[in-house]
Amino acid sequence: MSNEVYGYLKKFSKTDWSEFFEEMERNSGIGIKEIPMSELHSFPQEVMPINNVGCAAFVVGDRPGKTNTSYLTDYADYDSDANLGLPNDGRERLDLLIGLFAIMMRECMPGRFVVLITECGQVEAVKVVEAQDLGSQIRRDFERFSAPSDYIYDVACENGTFSTSPTGETP
């Protein structure tokens, strides 16, 4: 089964997300595409929004046009001559994903950011985390499993404090 990253953003004052996702994909070189909220099939009811106003569901891919993250969330290090189109170091690839999440969370303030990082298409747990702790929590979970955790991360985005550093410190 291929690794997948998908979720949704909810911003109380925004209703059109397609241009934002297109710009993110162009600027990052990572695939990101809006999908219907109904495609969040693994998400338990407790993390779904009461209404979809201001919501946008998304899927992330290894590169533009792709909808799986086989390499982006593979924690393995590849040989230096591997041509992934991404860094060969697993931690560096994870840092790219966490950086993408930080940009998305800034865009949905105030609001909500909910994302599933999975290798088997199912949810093992839901973790409610503070925005500033998301990067360090994802890194801890990857260290623990040496792979995607199959966790949904539920983040309330209320202020501009995010950390993308490995130590969890805010730059």
Protein backbone atom coordinates (compact mmCIF):
# COMPACT_ATOMS: atom_id res chain seq x y z
CA MET A 1 0.00 0.00 0.00
CA SER A 2 1.28 3.49 -0.74
CA ASN A 3 1.82 6.16 1.86
CA GLU A 4 -0.77 8.93 1.90
CA VAL A 5 -1.15 12.38 3.41
CA TYR A 6 -4.53 14.02 3.30
CA GLY A 7 -6.72 16.21 5.43
CA TYR A 8 -8.53 19.51 5.49
CA LEU A 9 -8.20 23.17 6.35
CA LYS A 10 -11.00 25.26 7.82
CA LYS A 11 -10.80 29.02 7.86
CA PHE A 12 -13.84 30.80 9.11
CA SER A 13 -13.54 33.63 6.57
CA LYS A 14 -12.37 31.78 3.45
CA THR A 15 -14.38 29.79 0.97
CA ASP A 16 -12.15 29.42 -2.12
CA TRP A 17 -8.99 27.37 -1.63
CA SER A 18 -8.16 26.17 -5.16
CA GLU A 19 -5.85 29.10 -6.01
CA PHE A 20 -4.01 28.66 -2.70
CA PHE A 21 -3.34 24.95 -3.38
CA GLU A 22 -2.17 25.66 -6.95
CA GLU A 23 0.27 28.30 -5.69
CA MET A 24 1.54 25.96 -2.95
CA GLU A 25 2.20 23.24 -5.51
CA ARG A 26 4.03 25.65 -7.87
CA ASN A 27 6.19 27.11 -5.09
CA SER A 28 7.04 23.89 -3.23
CA GLY A 29 7.44 21.32 -6.01
CA ILE A 30 5.32 19.00 -3.85
CA GLY A 31 1.94 17.86 -5.14
CA ILE A 32 -1.07 19.28 -3.35
CA LYS A 33 -4.56 19.08 -4.73
CA GLU A 34 -8.00 19.95 -3.48
CA ILE A 35 -10.33 16.97 -3.16
CA PRO A 36 -13.99 16.66 -2.13
CA MET A 37 -14.59 16.49 1.63
CA SER A 38 -16.33 13.16 1.00
CA GLU A 39 -12.93 11.64 0.13
CA LEU A 40 -11.82 11.88 3.76
CA HIS A 41 -13.24 8.37 4.15
CA SER A 42 -10.95 7.28 7.00
CA PHE A 43 -11.68 10.28 9.20
CA PRO A 44 -13.80 9.57 12.28
CA GLN A 45 -16.84 11.77 12.82
CA GLU A 46 -15.27 13.55 15.83
CA VAL A 47 -12.67 15.28 13.64
CA MET A 48 -15.00 16.21 10.81
CA PRO A 49 -16.39 19.75 10.73
CA ILE A 50 -20.02 20.33 11.64
CA ASN A 51 -20.44 22.15 8.34
CA ASN A 52 -18.14 22.47 5.36
CA VAL A 53 -18.27 26.26 5.02
CA GLY A 54 -14.70 27.52 4.72
CA CYS A 55 -13.33 23.97 4.46
CA ALA A 56 -11.04 22.52 1.84
CA ALA A 57 -9.93 18.91 1.77
CA PHE A 58 -6.54 18.17 0.23
CA VAL A 59 -4.21 15.35 -0.72
CA VAL A 60 -0.41 15.66 -0.84
CA GLY A 61 1.84 13.91 -3.38
CA ASP A 62 5.56 13.38 -3.87
CA ARG A 63 5.48 15.85 -6.77
CA PRO A 64 2.93 17.94 -8.67
CA GLY A 65 0.21 15.80 -10.20
CA LYS A 66 0.79 12.89 -7.79
CA THR A 67 -1.56 11.89 -4.96
CA ASN A 68 0.60 9.55 -2.90
CA THR A 69 3.65 10.19 -0.76
CA SER A 70 5.59 6.97 -1.25
CA TYR A 71 8.93 8.82 -1.02
CA LEU A 72 8.00 11.98 0.89
CA THR A 73 6.89 9.99 3.95
CA ASP A 74 9.25 7.05 3.55
CA TYR A 75 11.68 7.55 6.43
CA ALA A 76 14.44 5.53 4.76
CA ASP A 77 17.64 7.15 3.51
CA TYR A 78 18.39 6.47 -0.15
CA ASP A 79 21.76 6.05 -1.84
CA SER A 80 23.30 9.30 -3.06
CA ASP A 81 22.81 8.35 -6.71
CA ALA A 82 19.06 7.74 -6.29
CA ASN A 83 17.03 10.22 -8.35
CA LEU A 84 13.87 10.77 -6.31
CA GLY A 85 13.27 14.39 -7.18
CA LEU A 86 13.35 14.88 -3.39
CA PRO A 87 16.17 14.81 -0.84
CA ASN A 88 17.66 11.35 -0.35
CA ASP A 89 17.65 11.74 3.45
CA GLY A 90 14.36 10.66 5.07
CA ARG A 91 14.50 13.40 7.71
CA GLU A 92 14.99 16.08 5.07
CA ARG A 93 11.96 14.83 3.14
CA LEU A 94 9.89 14.89 6.33
CA ASP A 95 11.08 18.45 6.98
CA LEU A 96 9.71 19.47 3.55
CA LEU A 97 6.31 18.07 4.51
CA ILE A 98 6.34 19.77 7.92
CA GLY A 99 7.30 23.07 6.25
CA LEU A 100 4.33 22.68 3.90
CA PHE A 101 2.06 22.12 6.91
CA ALA A 102 3.37 25.29 8.58
CA ILE A 103 2.45 27.36 5.51
CA MET A 104 -1.00 25.77 5.39
CA MET A 105 -1.61 26.43 9.10
CA ARG A 106 -0.67 30.10 8.72
CA GLU A 107 -3.16 30.40 5.89
CA CYS A 108 -6.07 29.01 7.91
CA MET A 109 -5.68 31.24 10.99
CA PRO A 110 -7.93 31.45 12.82
CA GLY A 111 -9.25 28.04 11.99
CA ARG A 112 -8.38 24.37 11.99
CA PHE A 113 -5.85 22.11 10.29
CA VAL A 114 -6.46 18.34 10.33
CA VAL A 115 -4.15 15.90 8.58
CA LEU A 116 -3.69 12.13 8.37
CA ILE A 117 -0.24 10.69 7.63
CA THR A 118 -0.68 6.99 6.87
CA GLU A 119 0.97 4.02 5.23
CA CYS A 120 -2.01 1.70 5.42
CA GLY A 121 -5.01 3.95 4.76
CA GLN A 122 -6.45 3.65 8.23
CA VAL A 123 -6.44 5.68 11.44
CA GLU A 124 -4.76 4.31 14.56
CA ALA A 125 -5.34 7.41 16.72
CA VAL A 126 -6.26 11.08 16.72
CA LYS A 127 -3.75 13.42 18.33
CA VAL A 128 -4.85 16.92 19.27
CA VAL A 129 -1.73 19.09 19.19
CA GLU A 130 -0.86 22.74 19.53
CA ALA A 131 0.27 24.39 16.31
CA GLN A 132 3.75 25.11 17.68
CA ASP A 133 4.18 21.42 18.60
CA LEU A 134 3.02 19.80 15.35
CA GLY A 135 6.46 19.49 13.72
CA SER A 136 8.15 18.01 16.78
CA GLN A 137 5.22 15.62 17.39
CA ILE A 138 5.33 14.32 13.81
CA ARG A 139 9.11 13.84 14.08
CA ARG A 140 8.74 11.91 17.37
CA ASP A 141 6.11 9.67 15.82
CA PHE A 142 8.29 9.00 12.75
CA GLU A 143 11.24 8.20 15.01
CA ARG A 144 9.07 5.81 17.02
CA PHE A 145 7.67 3.93 14.02
CA SER A 146 10.37 4.61 11.38
CA ALA A 147 7.38 5.17 9.12
CA PRO A 148 4.13 7.12 8.94
CA SER A 149 2.21 6.82 12.20
CA ASP A 150 -1.33 6.35 10.86
CA TYR A 151 -2.31 9.26 13.14
CA ILE A 152 -4.62 12.14 12.48
CA TYR A 153 -3.17 15.39 13.82
CA ASP A 154 -5.89 17.87 14.80
CA VAL A 155 -4.59 21.44 15.21
CA ALA A 156 -6.46 24.59 16.20
CA CYS A 157 -4.71 27.47 14.41
CA GLU A 158 -5.22 30.51 16.60
CA ASN A 159 -1.94 32.41 16.47
CA GLY A 160 1.15 32.72 14.29
CA THR A 161 3.55 30.61 16.38
CA PHE A 162 4.70 27.54 14.46
CA SER A 163 7.84 25.53 14.70
CA THR A 164 9.39 23.68 11.80
CA SER A 165 12.72 23.11 13.54
CA PRO A 166 13.68 19.61 14.71
CA THR A 167 13.93 20.82 18.32
CA GLY A 168 10.46 22.39 18.31
CA GLU A 169 11.88 25.87 18.82
CA THR A 170 10.20 28.77 17.07
CA PRO A 171 12.57 30.49 14.63
